[in-house]
């Protein structure tokens, strides 16, 4: 089913995972701090900048990782949202929206100073 990797130190990220669970997302999720990153071919920099979704040989980052996770929902409407978010049509909007959220997550609901990316304003 794949694996969603998120920042376990970030309150906003944990809250977002909770929202996903309420939307029926069933993909297993693990905080990157609890993961053998090298064993999964990832670096601390990569996982501290964005969520990741790994499945078989597939690797998705950022909004595409969120899209893949949404596609594991037990609700058809949420799975359809995942298809849309990951589509070429929505990509030009979803990618910068995800980047903005990731950069400002410390200022969003559940966010704390520890959520602040090292290069955030």
Protein backbone atom coordinates (compact mmCIF):
# COMPACT_ATOMS: atom_id res chain seq x y z
CA UNK A 1 0.00 0.00 0.00
CA UNK A 2 2.96 2.35 0.27
CA UNK A 3 4.41 4.40 3.09
CA UNK A 4 3.83 8.07 3.89
CA UNK A 5 6.83 9.75 5.50
CA UNK A 6 6.24 12.98 7.44
CA UNK A 7 7.97 15.20 10.01
CA UNK A 8 7.12 13.78 13.42
CA UNK A 9 8.47 16.84 15.23
CA UNK A 10 6.08 19.17 13.41
CA UNK A 11 2.69 19.78 15.00
CA UNK A 12 1.19 20.93 11.71
CA UNK A 13 2.39 17.76 9.96
CA UNK A 14 0.96 15.54 12.71
CA UNK A 15 -2.32 17.45 12.58
CA UNK A 16 -2.43 17.07 8.80
CA UNK A 17 -1.95 13.32 9.17
CA UNK A 18 -4.87 13.31 11.61
CA UNK A 19 -7.03 15.09 9.02
CA UNK A 20 -6.00 12.47 6.48
CA UNK A 21 -7.06 9.69 8.84
CA UNK A 22 -10.46 11.38 9.27
CA UNK A 23 -10.72 11.40 5.46
CA UNK A 24 -10.18 7.65 5.44
CA UNK A 25 -6.53 7.62 4.35
CA UNK A 26 -5.26 4.15 5.16
CA UNK A 27 -1.62 4.34 4.03
CA UNK A 28 0.83 3.51 6.78
CA UNK A 29 2.65 6.62 7.97
CA UNK A 30 5.93 7.01 9.82
CA UNK A 31 7.81 10.01 11.13
CA UNK A 32 11.12 10.38 9.35
CA UNK A 33 12.82 10.62 12.73
CA UNK A 34 11.87 6.96 13.35
CA UNK A 35 13.00 5.71 9.93
CA UNK A 36 16.23 4.34 8.52
CA UNK A 37 16.51 7.08 5.90
CA UNK A 38 19.53 5.63 4.10
CA UNK A 39 17.73 2.30 3.87
CA UNK A 40 14.94 4.06 2.00
CA UNK A 41 17.30 6.10 -0.18
CA UNK A 42 16.41 9.42 1.47
CA UNK A 43 18.38 12.12 3.24
CA UNK A 44 17.47 14.19 6.27
CA UNK A 45 17.39 17.29 4.08
CA UNK A 46 14.90 15.68 1.67
CA UNK A 47 12.49 14.55 4.38
CA UNK A 48 12.75 17.78 6.37
CA UNK A 49 11.70 19.77 3.29
CA UNK A 50 8.67 17.72 2.23
CA UNK A 51 6.52 14.66 2.86
CA UNK A 52 7.37 11.54 0.87
CA UNK A 53 5.36 8.55 -0.28
CA UNK A 54 7.19 5.35 -1.19
CA UNK A 55 5.62 2.34 -2.85
CA UNK A 56 7.68 -0.34 -4.55
CA UNK A 57 10.02 1.51 -6.90
CA UNK A 58 7.79 4.62 -6.85
CA UNK A 59 8.87 7.74 -4.95
CA UNK A 60 6.69 10.82 -4.68
CA UNK A 61 7.53 14.10 -2.94
CA UNK A 62 5.43 17.02 -1.70
CA UNK A 63 2.01 17.45 -3.26
CA UNK A 64 2.46 14.22 -5.20
CA UNK A 65 3.08 12.36 -1.91
CA UNK A 66 -0.12 13.84 -0.51
CA UNK A 67 -1.96 12.82 -3.68
CA UNK A 68 -0.70 9.23 -3.36
CA UNK A 69 -1.75 9.10 0.30
CA UNK A 70 -5.23 10.44 -0.54
CA UNK A 71 -5.58 7.68 -3.12
CA UNK A 72 -5.45 5.12 -0.28
CA UNK A 73 -8.65 6.46 1.30
CA UNK A 74 -11.58 4.16 1.85
CA UNK A 75 -13.80 6.98 0.47
CA UNK A 76 -14.19 7.30 -3.30
CA UNK A 77 -14.45 11.10 -3.20
CA UNK A 78 -11.14 11.40 -1.33
CA UNK A 79 -9.47 8.98 -3.74
CA UNK A 80 -10.75 11.15 -6.61
CA UNK A 81 -9.30 14.22 -4.89
CA UNK A 82 -5.97 12.40 -4.75
CA UNK A 83 -6.13 11.74 -8.48
CA UNK A 84 -6.90 15.42 -9.11
CA UNK A 85 -4.15 16.74 -6.82
CA UNK A 86 -1.62 14.48 -8.53
CA UNK A 87 -2.77 15.29 -12.06
CA UNK A 88 -0.97 17.39 -14.65
CA UNK A 89 -3.94 19.74 -14.61
CA UNK A 90 -3.68 20.54 -10.89
CA UNK A 91 0.11 20.20 -10.61
CA UNK A 92 0.87 23.82 -11.58
CA UNK A 93 -1.33 24.93 -8.67
CA UNK A 94 -0.76 22.07 -6.21
CA UNK A 95 3.06 22.16 -6.35
CA UNK A 96 3.48 25.83 -5.38
CA UNK A 97 0.62 25.58 -2.86
CA UNK A 98 2.36 22.65 -1.17
CA UNK A 99 5.69 24.50 -1.22
CA UNK A 100 4.06 27.54 0.40
CA UNK A 101 2.43 25.43 3.11
CA UNK A 102 5.70 23.55 3.79
CA UNK A 103 7.59 26.83 4.07
CA UNK A 104 5.00 28.42 6.40
CA UNK A 105 3.89 25.36 8.39
CA UNK A 106 5.20 26.88 11.62
CA UNK A 107 2.59 29.66 11.20
CA UNK A 108 -0.36 27.35 10.45
CA UNK A 109 -2.78 25.62 12.87
CA UNK A 110 -0.83 23.17 15.02
CA UNK A 111 2.46 24.68 13.95
CA UNK A 112 5.14 25.52 16.48
CA UNK A 113 8.60 27.06 16.20
CA UNK A 114 10.08 23.56 15.79
CA UNK A 115 8.09 23.25 12.53
CA UNK A 116 9.98 26.18 11.02
CA UNK A 117 12.14 25.10 8.08
CA UNK A 118 15.73 26.30 8.35
CA UNK A 119 15.31 28.55 5.31
CA UNK A 120 11.86 29.94 6.23
CA UNK A 121 11.35 33.71 6.47
